[in-house]
Protein backbone atom coordinates (compact mmCIF):
# COMPACT_ATOMS: atom_id res chain seq x y z
CA TYR A 1 -51.89 66.51 -37.78
CA SER A 2 -52.22 70.14 -37.16
CA ILE A 3 -54.14 70.70 -34.15
CA SER A 4 -57.17 72.83 -37.21
CA ASP A 5 -57.32 68.89 -38.27
CA LEU A 6 -57.89 66.91 -35.25
CA THR A 7 -60.41 69.64 -34.24
CA ASN A 8 -62.17 69.01 -37.52
CA ILE A 9 -62.06 65.32 -37.98
CA THR A 10 -63.27 65.42 -34.30
CA GLU A 11 -66.11 67.85 -35.13
CA CYS A 12 -66.77 65.14 -38.14
CA TYR A 13 -67.15 62.25 -35.80
CA LYS A 14 -69.26 63.54 -33.44
CA MET A 15 -71.44 64.59 -36.61
CA LYS A 16 -71.16 60.75 -37.66
CA VAL A 17 -71.91 59.47 -33.66
CA GLU A 18 -75.05 62.05 -33.51
CA GLU A 19 -76.56 60.55 -36.75
CA LEU A 20 -76.59 56.96 -35.79
CA VAL A 21 -77.36 57.83 -32.81
CA ASN A 22 -80.35 59.71 -34.34
CA ASP A 23 -81.11 56.50 -36.83
CA LYS A 24 -80.91 54.73 -33.91
CA LEU A 25 -83.39 56.02 -32.16
CA GLY A 26 -86.07 56.77 -34.05
């Protein structure tokens, strides 16, 4: 992986987690 790839993956992961948290909290 390049650094930019890891950054993109991390950003996508954060967004997914935030969506899941928002769904859980309603």
